PDB file of all heavy atoms in Angstrom:
ATOM      1  N   ARG A   1       0.821  -1.213   0.000  1.00  0.00           N
ATOM      2  CA  ARG A   1       0.000   0.000   0.000  1.00  0.00           C
ATOM      3  C   ARG A   1       0.855   1.263   0.000  1.00  0.00           C
ATOM      4  O   ARG A   1       0.520   2.226  -0.689  1.00  0.00           O
ATOM      5  CB  ARG A   1      -0.927   0.016   1.225  1.00  0.00           C
ATOM      6  CG  ARG A   1      -1.921  -1.146   1.294  1.00  0.00           C
ATOM      7  CD  ARG A   1      -2.881  -1.138   0.118  1.00  0.00           C
ATOM      8  NE  ARG A   1      -3.949  -2.125   0.267  1.00  0.00           N
ATOM      9  CZ  ARG A   1      -3.907  -3.354  -0.184  1.00  0.00           C
ATOM     10  NH1 ARG A   1      -2.819  -3.787  -0.831  1.00  0.00           N
ATOM     11  NH2 ARG A   1      -4.938  -4.175  -0.021  1.00  0.00           N
ATOM     12  N   THR A   2       1.926   1.274   0.772  1.00  0.00           N
ATOM     13  CA  THR A   2       2.731   2.494   0.934  1.00  0.00           C
ATOM     14  C   THR A   2       4.216   2.227   0.738  1.00  0.00           C
ATOM     15  O   THR A   2       5.045   2.957   1.262  1.00  0.00           O
ATOM     16  CB  THR A   2       2.496   3.096   2.329  1.00  0.00           C
ATOM     17  OG1 THR A   2       2.835   2.133   3.340  1.00  0.00           O
ATOM     18  CG2 THR A   2       1.040   3.530   2.504  1.00  0.00           C
ATOM     19  N   ASP A   3       4.562   1.200   0.001  1.00  0.00           N
ATOM     20  CA  ASP A   3       5.976   0.872  -0.206  1.00  0.00           C
ATOM     21  C   ASP A   3       6.635   1.917  -1.108  1.00  0.00           C
ATOM     22  O   ASP A   3       6.002   2.469  -2.006  1.00  0.00           O
ATOM     23  CB  ASP A   3       6.109  -0.512  -0.845  1.00  0.00           C
ATOM     24  CG  ASP A   3       7.495  -1.103  -0.652  1.00  0.00           C
ATOM     25  OD1 ASP A   3       8.417  -0.686  -1.389  1.00  0.00           O
ATOM     26  OD2 ASP A   3       7.661  -1.958   0.229  1.00  0.00           O
ATOM     27  N   ALA A   4       7.914   2.190  -0.847  1.00  0.00           N
ATOM     28  CA  ALA A   4       8.650   3.154  -1.672  1.00  0.00           C
ATOM     29  C   ALA A   4       8.824   2.649  -3.096  1.00  0.00           C
ATOM     30  O   ALA A   4       9.016   3.448  -4.022  1.00  0.00           O
ATOM     31  CB  ALA A   4      10.015   3.436  -1.045  1.00  0.00           C
ATOM     32  N   ARG A   5       8.741   1.338  -3.288  1.00  0.00           N
ATOM     33  CA  ARG A   5       8.842   0.751  -4.622  1.00  0.00           C
ATOM     34  C   ARG A   5       7.437   0.677  -5.232  1.00  0.00           C
ATOM     35  O   ARG A   5       6.613  -0.124  -4.801  1.00  0.00           O
ATOM     36  CB  ARG A   5       9.475  -0.634  -4.548  1.00  0.00           C
ATOM     37  CG  ARG A   5      10.908  -0.627  -4.052  1.00  0.00           C
ATOM     38  CD  ARG A   5      11.348  -1.990  -3.545  1.00  0.00           C
ATOM     39  NE  ARG A   5      10.670  -2.352  -2.309  1.00  0.00           N
ATOM     40  CZ  ARG A   5      10.908  -3.476  -1.626  1.00  0.00           C
ATOM     41  NH1 ARG A   5      11.818  -4.328  -2.081  1.00  0.00           N
ATOM     42  NH2 ARG A   5      10.257  -3.736  -0.509  1.00  0.00           N
ATOM     43  N   ALA A   6       7.187   1.510  -6.224  1.00  0.00           N
ATOM     44  CA  ALA A   6       5.835   1.654  -6.773  1.00  0.00           C
ATOM     45  C   ALA A   6       5.290   0.338  -7.302  1.00  0.00           C
ATOM     46  O   ALA A   6       4.080   0.085  -7.223  1.00  0.00           O
ATOM     47  CB  ALA A   6       5.835   2.712  -7.876  1.00  0.00           C
ATOM     48  N   TYR A   7       6.151  -0.519  -7.843  1.00  0.00           N
ATOM     49  CA  TYR A   7       5.644  -1.757  -8.436  1.00  0.00           C
ATOM     50  C   TYR A   7       5.068  -2.690  -7.374  1.00  0.00           C
ATOM     51  O   TYR A   7       4.240  -3.558  -7.692  1.00  0.00           O
ATOM     52  CB  TYR A   7       6.736  -2.459  -9.254  1.00  0.00           C
ATOM     53  CG  TYR A   7       7.938  -2.916  -8.462  1.00  0.00           C
ATOM     54  CD1 TYR A   7       7.924  -4.126  -7.781  1.00  0.00           C
ATOM     55  CD2 TYR A   7       9.098  -2.153  -8.408  1.00  0.00           C
ATOM     56  CE1 TYR A   7       9.023  -4.559  -7.062  1.00  0.00           C
ATOM     57  CE2 TYR A   7      10.203  -2.574  -7.702  1.00  0.00           C
ATOM     58  CZ  TYR A   7      10.169  -3.776  -7.024  1.00  0.00           C
ATOM     59  OH  TYR A   7      11.268  -4.185  -6.308  1.00  0.00           O
ATOM     60  N   LEU A   8       5.491  -2.547  -6.105  1.00  0.00           N
ATOM     61  CA  LEU A   8       4.903  -3.376  -5.055  1.00  0.00           C
ATOM     62  C   LEU A   8       3.516  -2.887  -4.663  1.00  0.00           C
ATOM     63  O   LEU A   8       2.699  -3.663  -4.158  1.00  0.00           O
ATOM     64  CB  LEU A   8       5.816  -3.410  -3.823  1.00  0.00           C
ATOM     65  CG  LEU A   8       7.127  -4.181  -3.962  1.00  0.00           C
ATOM     66  CD1 LEU A   8       7.867  -4.230  -2.635  1.00  0.00           C
ATOM     67  CD2 LEU A   8       6.890  -5.603  -4.476  1.00  0.00           C
ATOM     68  N   ASN A   9       3.235  -1.599  -4.895  1.00  0.00           N
ATOM     69  CA  ASN A   9       1.908  -1.056  -4.613  1.00  0.00           C
ATOM     70  C   ASN A   9       1.024  -1.204  -5.854  1.00  0.00           C
ATOM     71  O   ASN A   9       0.410  -0.243  -6.320  1.00  0.00           O
ATOM     72  CB  ASN A   9       2.002   0.421  -4.221  1.00  0.00           C
ATOM     73  CG  ASN A   9       2.935   0.654  -3.057  1.00  0.00           C
ATOM     74  OD1 ASN A   9       2.994  -0.160  -2.137  1.00  0.00           O
ATOM     75  ND2 ASN A   9       3.668   1.741  -3.089  1.00  0.00           N
ATOM     76  N   SER A  10       0.957  -2.407  -6.370  1.00  0.00           N
ATOM     77  CA  SER A  10       0.245  -2.633  -7.626  1.00  0.00           C
ATOM     78  C   SER A  10      -0.141  -4.095  -7.763  1.00  0.00           C
ATOM     79  O   SER A  10       0.294  -4.953  -6.997  1.00  0.00           O
ATOM     80  CB  SER A  10       1.128  -2.218  -8.814  1.00  0.00           C
ATOM     81  OG  SER A  10       2.284  -3.051  -8.877  1.00  0.00           O
ATOM     82  N   VAL A  11      -0.989  -4.342  -8.763  1.00  0.00           N
ATOM     83  CA  VAL A  11      -1.354  -5.707  -9.151  1.00  0.00           C
ATOM     84  C   VAL A  11      -0.839  -5.933 -10.564  1.00  0.00           C
ATOM     85  O   VAL A  11      -1.060  -5.105 -11.452  1.00  0.00           O
ATOM     86  CB  VAL A  11      -2.876  -5.918  -9.090  1.00  0.00           C
ATOM     87  CG1 VAL A  11      -3.272  -7.240  -9.750  1.00  0.00           C
ATOM     88  CG2 VAL A  11      -3.354  -5.893  -7.645  1.00  0.00           C
ATOM     89  N   TYR A  12      -0.147  -7.034 -10.750  1.00  0.00           N
ATOM     90  CA  TYR A  12       0.436  -7.363 -12.055  1.00  0.00           C
ATOM     91  C   TYR A  12      -0.482  -8.339 -12.777  1.00  0.00           C
ATOM     92  O   TYR A  12      -0.872  -9.380 -12.240  1.00  0.00           O
ATOM     93  CB  TYR A  12       1.812  -7.990 -11.847  1.00  0.00           C
ATOM     94  CG  TYR A  12       2.470  -8.504 -13.099  1.00  0.00           C
ATOM     95  CD1 TYR A  12       2.712  -7.676 -14.180  1.00  0.00           C
ATOM     96  CD2 TYR A  12       2.874  -9.839 -13.186  1.00  0.00           C
ATOM     97  CE1 TYR A  12       3.329  -8.146 -15.320  1.00  0.00           C
ATOM     98  CE2 TYR A  12       3.504 -10.325 -14.316  1.00  0.00           C
ATOM     99  CZ  TYR A  12       3.729  -9.473 -15.389  1.00  0.00           C
ATOM    100  OH  TYR A  12       4.348  -9.959 -16.519  1.00  0.00           O
ATOM    101  N   LEU A  13      -0.848  -7.983 -14.004  1.00  0.00           N
ATOM    102  CA  LEU A  13      -1.672  -8.854 -14.842  1.00  0.00           C
ATOM    103  C   LEU A  13      -0.897  -9.225 -16.091  1.00  0.00           C
ATOM    104  O   LEU A  13      -0.322  -8.360 -16.755  1.00  0.00           O
ATOM    105  CB  LEU A  13      -2.969  -8.141 -15.246  1.00  0.00           C
ATOM    106  CG  LEU A  13      -3.902  -7.704 -14.131  1.00  0.00           C
ATOM    107  CD1 LEU A  13      -5.105  -6.966 -14.702  1.00  0.00           C
ATOM    108  CD2 LEU A  13      -4.362  -8.892 -13.293  1.00  0.00           C
ATOM    109  N   LYS A  14      -0.898 -10.489 -16.405  1.00  0.00           N
ATOM    110  CA  LYS A  14      -0.201 -10.977 -17.600  1.00  0.00           C
ATOM    111  C   LYS A  14      -1.123 -11.932 -18.335  1.00  0.00           C
ATOM    112  O   LYS A  14      -1.685 -12.853 -17.726  1.00  0.00           O
ATOM    113  CB  LYS A  14       1.094 -11.687 -17.208  1.00  0.00           C
ATOM    114  CG  LYS A  14       1.899 -12.199 -18.419  1.00  0.00           C
ATOM    115  CD  LYS A  14       3.171 -12.891 -17.954  1.00  0.00           C
ATOM    116  CE  LYS A  14       4.001 -13.385 -19.136  1.00  0.00           C
ATOM    117  NZ  LYS A  14       4.537 -12.279 -19.940  1.00  0.00           N
ATOM    118  N   ALA A  15      -1.289 -11.706 -19.629  1.00  0.00           N
ATOM    119  CA  ALA A  15      -2.107 -12.586 -20.463  1.00  0.00           C
ATOM    120  C   ALA A  15      -1.210 -13.266 -21.488  1.00  0.00           C
ATOM    121  O   ALA A  15      -0.498 -12.596 -22.242  1.00  0.00           O
ATOM    122  CB  ALA A  15      -3.204 -11.796 -21.163  1.00  0.00           C
ATOM    123  N   LYS A  16      -1.232 -14.586 -21.503  1.00  0.00           N
ATOM    124  CA  LYS A  16      -0.404 -15.332 -22.442  1.00  0.00           C
ATOM    125  C   LYS A  16      -1.032 -16.698 -22.678  1.00  0.00           C
ATOM    126  O   LYS A  16      -1.485 -17.355 -21.741  1.00  0.00           O
ATOM    127  CB  LYS A  16       1.015 -15.485 -21.891  1.00  0.00           C
ATOM    128  CG  LYS A  16       1.998 -16.077 -22.888  1.00  0.00           C
ATOM    129  CD  LYS A  16       3.418 -16.043 -22.325  1.00  0.00           C
ATOM    130  CE  LYS A  16       4.413 -16.556 -23.362  1.00  0.00           C
ATOM    131  NZ  LYS A  16       5.802 -16.512 -22.860  1.00  0.00           N
ATOM    132  N   ASN A  17      -1.047 -17.114 -23.937  1.00  0.00           N
ATOM    133  CA  ASN A  17      -1.573 -18.432 -24.300  1.00  0.00           C
ATOM    134  C   ASN A  17      -2.988 -18.651 -23.750  1.00  0.00           C
ATOM    135  O   ASN A  17      -3.302 -19.698 -23.173  1.00  0.00           O
ATOM    136  CB  ASN A  17      -0.642 -19.541 -23.809  1.00  0.00           C
ATOM    137  CG  ASN A  17       0.719 -19.463 -24.465  1.00  0.00           C
ATOM    138  OD1 ASN A  17       0.845 -19.042 -25.612  1.00  0.00           O
ATOM    139  ND2 ASN A  17       1.747 -19.854 -23.729  1.00  0.00           N
ATOM    140  N   ASN A  18      -3.854 -17.614 -23.944  1.00  0.00           N
ATOM    141  CA  ASN A  18      -5.246 -17.675 -23.510  1.00  0.00           C
ATOM    142  C   ASN A  18      -5.405 -17.899 -22.006  1.00  0.00           C
ATOM    143  O   ASN A  18      -6.409 -18.445 -21.542  1.00  0.00           O
ATOM    144  CB  ASN A  18      -6.004 -18.759 -24.274  1.00  0.00           C
ATOM    145  CG  ASN A  18      -6.194 -18.387 -25.734  1.00  0.00           C
ATOM    146  OD1 ASN A  18      -6.272 -17.212 -26.082  1.00  0.00           O
ATOM    147  ND2 ASN A  18      -6.260 -19.387 -26.592  1.00  0.00           N
ATOM    148  N   THR A  19      -4.413 -17.478 -21.247  1.00  0.00           N
ATOM    149  CA  THR A  19      -4.479 -17.562 -19.792  1.00  0.00           C
ATOM    150  C   THR A  19      -4.128 -16.209 -19.196  1.00  0.00           C
ATOM    151  O   THR A  19      -3.162 -15.572 -19.622  1.00  0.00           O
ATOM    152  CB  THR A  19      -3.508 -18.628 -19.242  1.00  0.00           C
ATOM    153  OG1 THR A  19      -3.833 -19.898 -19.817  1.00  0.00           O
ATOM    154  CG2 THR A  19      -3.608 -18.731 -17.729  1.00  0.00           C
ATOM    155  N   LEU A  20      -4.920 -15.773 -18.231  1.00  0.00           N
ATOM    156  CA  LEU A  20      -4.673 -14.519 -17.540  1.00  0.00           C
ATOM    157  C   LEU A  20      -4.108 -14.820 -16.159  1.00  0.00           C
ATOM    158  O   LEU A  20      -4.686 -15.593 -15.397  1.00  0.00           O
ATOM    159  CB  LEU A  20      -5.974 -13.709 -17.407  1.00  0.00           C
ATOM    160  CG  LEU A  20      -5.874 -12.401 -16.618  1.00  0.00           C
ATOM    161  CD1 LEU A  20      -4.960 -11.410 -17.330  1.00  0.00           C
ATOM    162  CD2 LEU A  20      -7.263 -11.793 -16.419  1.00  0.00           C
ATOM    163  N   TYR A  21      -2.969 -14.200 -15.848  1.00  0.00           N
ATOM    164  CA  TYR A  21      -2.317 -14.373 -14.558  1.00  0.00           C
ATOM    165  C   TYR A  21      -2.433 -13.069 -13.762  1.00  0.00           C
ATOM    166  O   TYR A  21      -2.291 -11.979 -14.331  1.00  0.00           O
ATOM    167  CB  TYR A  21      -0.845 -14.722 -14.731  1.00  0.00           C
ATOM    168  CG  TYR A  21      -0.586 -15.988 -15.521  1.00  0.00           C
ATOM    169  CD1 TYR A  21      -0.494 -15.961 -16.909  1.00  0.00           C
ATOM    170  CD2 TYR A  21      -0.451 -17.211 -14.872  1.00  0.00           C
ATOM    171  CE1 TYR A  21      -0.266 -17.119 -17.641  1.00  0.00           C
ATOM    172  CE2 TYR A  21      -0.214 -18.379 -15.595  1.00  0.00           C
ATOM    173  CZ  TYR A  21      -0.122 -18.327 -16.977  1.00  0.00           C
ATOM    174  OH  TYR A  21       0.093 -19.470 -17.693  1.00  0.00           O
ATOM    175  N   GLY A  22      -2.680 -13.179 -12.464  1.00  0.00           N
ATOM    176  CA  GLY A  22      -2.703 -12.017 -11.585  1.00  0.00           C
ATOM    177  C   GLY A  22      -1.772 -12.241 -10.411  1.00  0.00           C
ATOM    178  O   GLY A  22      -1.762 -13.328  -9.812  1.00  0.00           O
ATOM    179  N   VAL A  23      -0.972 -11.219 -10.067  1.00  0.00           N
ATOM    180  CA  VAL A  23       0.003 -11.342  -8.982  1.00  0.00           C
ATOM    181  C   VAL A  23      -0.017 -10.073  -8.140  1.00  0.00           C
ATOM    182  O   VAL A  23      -0.091  -8.957  -8.663  1.00  0.00           O
ATOM    183  CB  VAL A  23       1.433 -11.561  -9.522  1.00  0.00           C
ATOM    184  CG1 VAL A  23       2.438 -11.628  -8.370  1.00  0.00           C
ATOM    185  CG2 VAL A  23       1.506 -12.820 -10.362  1.00  0.00           C
ATOM    186  N   GLY A  24       0.042 -10.241  -6.827  1.00  0.00           N
ATOM    187  CA  GLY A  24       0.213  -9.131  -5.908  1.00  0.00           C
ATOM    188  C   GLY A  24       1.194  -9.527  -4.823  1.00  0.00           C
ATOM    189  O   GLY A  24       1.149 -10.669  -4.333  1.00  0.00           O
ATOM    190  N   THR A  25       2.089  -8.631  -4.437  1.00  0.00           N
ATOM    191  CA  THR A  25       3.036  -8.917  -3.360  1.00  0.00           C
ATOM    192  C   THR A  25       3.474  -7.632  -2.694  1.00  0.00           C
ATOM    193  O   THR A  25       3.579  -6.588  -3.337  1.00  0.00           O
ATOM    194  CB  THR A  25       4.267  -9.680  -3.885  1.00  0.00           C
ATOM    195  OG1 THR A  25       5.155  -9.949  -2.788  1.00  0.00           O
ATOM    196  CG2 THR A  25       5.015  -8.879  -4.936  1.00  0.00           C
ATOM    197  N   ASP A  26       3.705  -7.714  -1.384  1.00  0.00           N
ATOM    198  CA  ASP A  26       4.258  -6.578  -0.647  1.00  0.00           C
ATOM    199  C   ASP A  26       5.678  -6.867  -0.157  1.00  0.00           C
ATOM    200  O   ASP A  26       6.234  -6.123   0.643  1.00  0.00           O
ATOM    201  CB  ASP A  26       3.363  -6.214   0.535  1.00  0.00           C
ATOM    202  CG  ASP A  26       3.198  -7.362   1.538  1.00  0.00           C
ATOM    203  OD1 ASP A  26       3.866  -8.411   1.369  1.00  0.00           O
ATOM    204  OD2 ASP A  26       2.403  -7.216   2.486  1.00  0.00           O
ATOM    205  N   GLY A  27       6.273  -7.955  -0.650  1.00  0.00           N
ATOM    206  CA  GLY A  27       7.614  -8.332  -0.242  1.00  0.00           C
ATOM    207  C   GLY A  27       7.640  -9.329   0.896  1.00  0.00           C
ATOM    208  O   GLY A  27       8.666  -9.983   1.130  1.00  0.00           O
ATOM    209  N   HIS A  28       6.518  -9.471   1.628  1.00  0.00           N
ATOM    210  CA  HIS A  28       6.430 -10.424   2.733  1.00  0.00           C
ATOM    211  C   HIS A  28       5.504 -11.584   2.408  1.00  0.00           C
ATOM    212  O   HIS A  28       5.591 -12.639   3.035  1.00  0.00           O
ATOM    213  CB  HIS A  28       5.924  -9.724   3.995  1.00  0.00           C
ATOM    214  CG  HIS A  28       6.761  -8.566   4.425  1.00  0.00           C
ATOM    215  ND1 HIS A  28       7.970  -8.716   5.055  1.00  0.00           N
ATOM    216  CD2 HIS A  28       6.564  -7.227   4.289  1.00  0.00           C
ATOM    217  CE1 HIS A  28       8.484  -7.524   5.308  1.00  0.00           C
ATOM    218  NE2 HIS A  28       7.658  -6.609   4.860  1.00  0.00           N
ATOM    219  N   ARG A  29       4.648 -11.377   1.450  1.00  0.00           N
ATOM    220  CA  ARG A  29       3.700 -12.411   1.015  1.00  0.00           C
ATOM    221  C   ARG A  29       3.385 -12.171  -0.449  1.00  0.00           C
ATOM    222  O   ARG A  29       3.619 -11.081  -0.986  1.00  0.00           O
ATOM    223  CB  ARG A  29       2.419 -12.370   1.848  1.00  0.00           C
ATOM    224  CG  ARG A  29       1.763 -10.989   1.841  1.00  0.00           C
ATOM    225  CD  ARG A  29       0.519 -10.966   2.668  1.00  0.00           C
ATOM    226  NE  ARG A  29      -0.013  -9.622   2.819  1.00  0.00           N
ATOM    227  CZ  ARG A  29      -1.176  -9.335   3.371  1.00  0.00           C
ATOM    228  NH1 ARG A  29      -1.955 -10.317   3.795  1.00  0.00           N
ATOM    229  NH2 ARG A  29      -1.579  -8.093   3.500  1.00  0.00           N
ATOM    230  N   LEU A  30       2.840 -13.189  -1.091  1.00  0.00           N
ATOM    231  CA  LEU A  30       2.552 -13.114  -2.521  1.00  0.00           C
ATOM    232  C   LEU A  30       1.296 -13.915  -2.810  1.00  0.00           C
ATOM    233  O   LEU A  30       1.072 -14.976  -2.224  1.00  0.00           O
ATOM    234  CB  LEU A  30       3.744 -13.648  -3.313  1.00  0.00           C
ATOM    235  CG  LEU A  30       3.659 -13.685  -4.842  1.00  0.00           C
ATOM    236  CD1 LEU A  30       5.037 -13.473  -5.448  1.00  0.00           C
ATOM    237  CD2 LEU A  30       3.103 -15.029  -5.352  1.00  0.00           C
ATOM    238  N   SER A  31       0.478 -13.403  -3.716  1.00  0.00           N
ATOM    239  CA  SER A  31      -0.696 -14.133  -4.189  1.00  0.00           C
ATOM    240  C   SER A  31      -0.631 -14.227  -5.701  1.00  0.00           C
ATOM    241  O   SER A  31      -0.386 -13.224  -6.380  1.00  0.00           O
ATOM    242  CB  SER A  31      -1.984 -13.417  -3.759  1.00  0.00           C
ATOM    243  OG  SER A  31      -3.121 -14.089  -4.261  1.00  0.00           O
ATOM    244  N   ALA A  32      -0.819 -15.421  -6.241  1.00  0.00           N
ATOM    245  CA  ALA A  32      -0.761 -15.650  -7.686  1.00  0.00           C
ATOM    246  C   ALA A  32      -1.978 -16.463  -8.108  1.00  0.00           C
ATOM    247  O   ALA A  32      -2.299 -17.482  -7.489  1.00  0.00           O
ATOM    248  CB  ALA A  32       0.524 -16.390  -8.061  1.00  0.00           C
ATOM    249  N   ILE A  33      -2.665 -15.991  -9.163  1.00  0.00           N
ATOM    250  CA  ILE A  33      -3.893 -16.614  -9.641  1.00  0.00           C
ATOM    251  C   ILE A  33      -3.842 -16.700 -11.158  1.00  0.00           C
ATOM    252  O   ILE A  33      -3.215 -15.856 -11.813  1.00  0.00           O
ATOM    253  CB  ILE A  33      -5.136 -15.789  -9.231  1.00  0.00           C
ATOM    254  CG1 ILE A  33      -5.081 -15.426  -7.746  1.00  0.00           C
ATOM    255  CG2 ILE A  33      -6.415 -16.550  -9.536  1.00  0.00           C
ATOM    256  CD1 ILE A  33      -4.562 -14.047  -7.483  1.00  0.00           C
ATOM    257  N   LYS A  34      -4.522 -17.691 -11.733  1.00  0.00           N
ATOM    258  CA  LYS A  34      -4.628 -17.779 -13.187  1.00  0.00           C
ATOM    259  C   LYS A  34      -6.023 -18.237 -13.586  1.00  0.00           C
ATOM    260  O   LYS A  34      -6.672 -19.002 -12.868  1.00  0.00           O
ATOM    261  CB  LYS A  34      -3.573 -18.726 -13.762  1.00  0.00           C
ATOM    262  CG  LYS A  34      -3.732 -20.185 -13.365  1.00  0.00           C
ATOM    263  CD  LYS A  34      -2.657 -21.043 -14.027  1.00  0.00           C
ATOM    264  CE  LYS A  34      -2.816 -22.523 -13.647  1.00  0.00           C
ATOM    265  NZ  LYS A  34      -1.799 -23.371 -14.311  1.00  0.00           N
ATOM    266  N   HIS A  35      -6.498 -17.713 -14.751  1.00  0.00           N
ATOM    267  CA  HIS A  35      -7.791 -18.096 -15.311  1.00  0.00           C
ATOM    268  C   HIS A  35      -7.697 -18.070 -16.829  1.00  0.00           C
ATOM    269  O   HIS A  35      -6.913 -17.307 -17.398  1.00  0.00           O
ATOM    270  CB  HIS A  35      -8.903 -17.141 -14.864  1.00  0.00           C
ATOM    271  CG  HIS A  35      -9.366 -17.364 -13.457  1.00  0.00           C
ATOM    272  ND1 HIS A  35     -10.075 -18.473 -13.074  1.00  0.00           N
ATOM    273  CD2 HIS A  35      -9.212 -16.609 -12.334  1.00  0.00           C
ATOM    274  CE1 HIS A  35     -10.351 -18.400 -11.790  1.00  0.00           C
ATOM    275  NE2 HIS A  35      -9.836 -17.276 -11.318  1.00  0.00           N
ATOM    276  N   SER A  36      -8.518 -18.846 -17.486  1.00  0.00           N
ATOM    277  CA  SER A  36      -8.562 -18.859 -18.950  1.00  0.00           C
ATOM    278  C   SER A  36      -9.319 -17.628 -19.447  1.00  0.00           C
ATOM    279  O   SER A  36     -10.255 -17.151 -18.801  1.00  0.00           O
ATOM    280  CB  SER A  36      -9.251 -20.124 -19.458  1.00  0.00           C
ATOM    281  OG  SER A  36      -8.545 -21.277 -19.059  1.00  0.00           O
ATOM    282  N   ILE A  37      -8.909 -17.124 -20.632  1.00  0.00           N
ATOM    283  CA  ILE A  37      -9.551 -15.962 -21.228  1.00  0.00           C
ATOM    284  C   ILE A  37      -9.718 -16.180 -22.722  1.00  0.00           C
ATOM    285  O   ILE A  37      -9.184 -17.127 -23.294  1.00  0.00           O
ATOM    286  CB  ILE A  37      -8.721 -14.678 -20.999  1.00  0.00           C
ATOM    287  CG1 ILE A  37      -7.324 -14.837 -21.633  1.00  0.00           C
ATOM    288  CG2 ILE A  37      -8.612 -14.342 -19.549  1.00  0.00           C
ATOM    289  CD1 ILE A  37      -6.514 -13.564 -21.638  1.00  0.00           C
TER     290      ILE A  37
END
């Protein structure tokens, strides 16, 4: 939420091979999800 590194205060979305990936991390924990698109 308030990290000096802007990329940590964000959600990363990647679409590849008809699959959408979502990632969030604050450096202490990480969540990764994928779904078909």
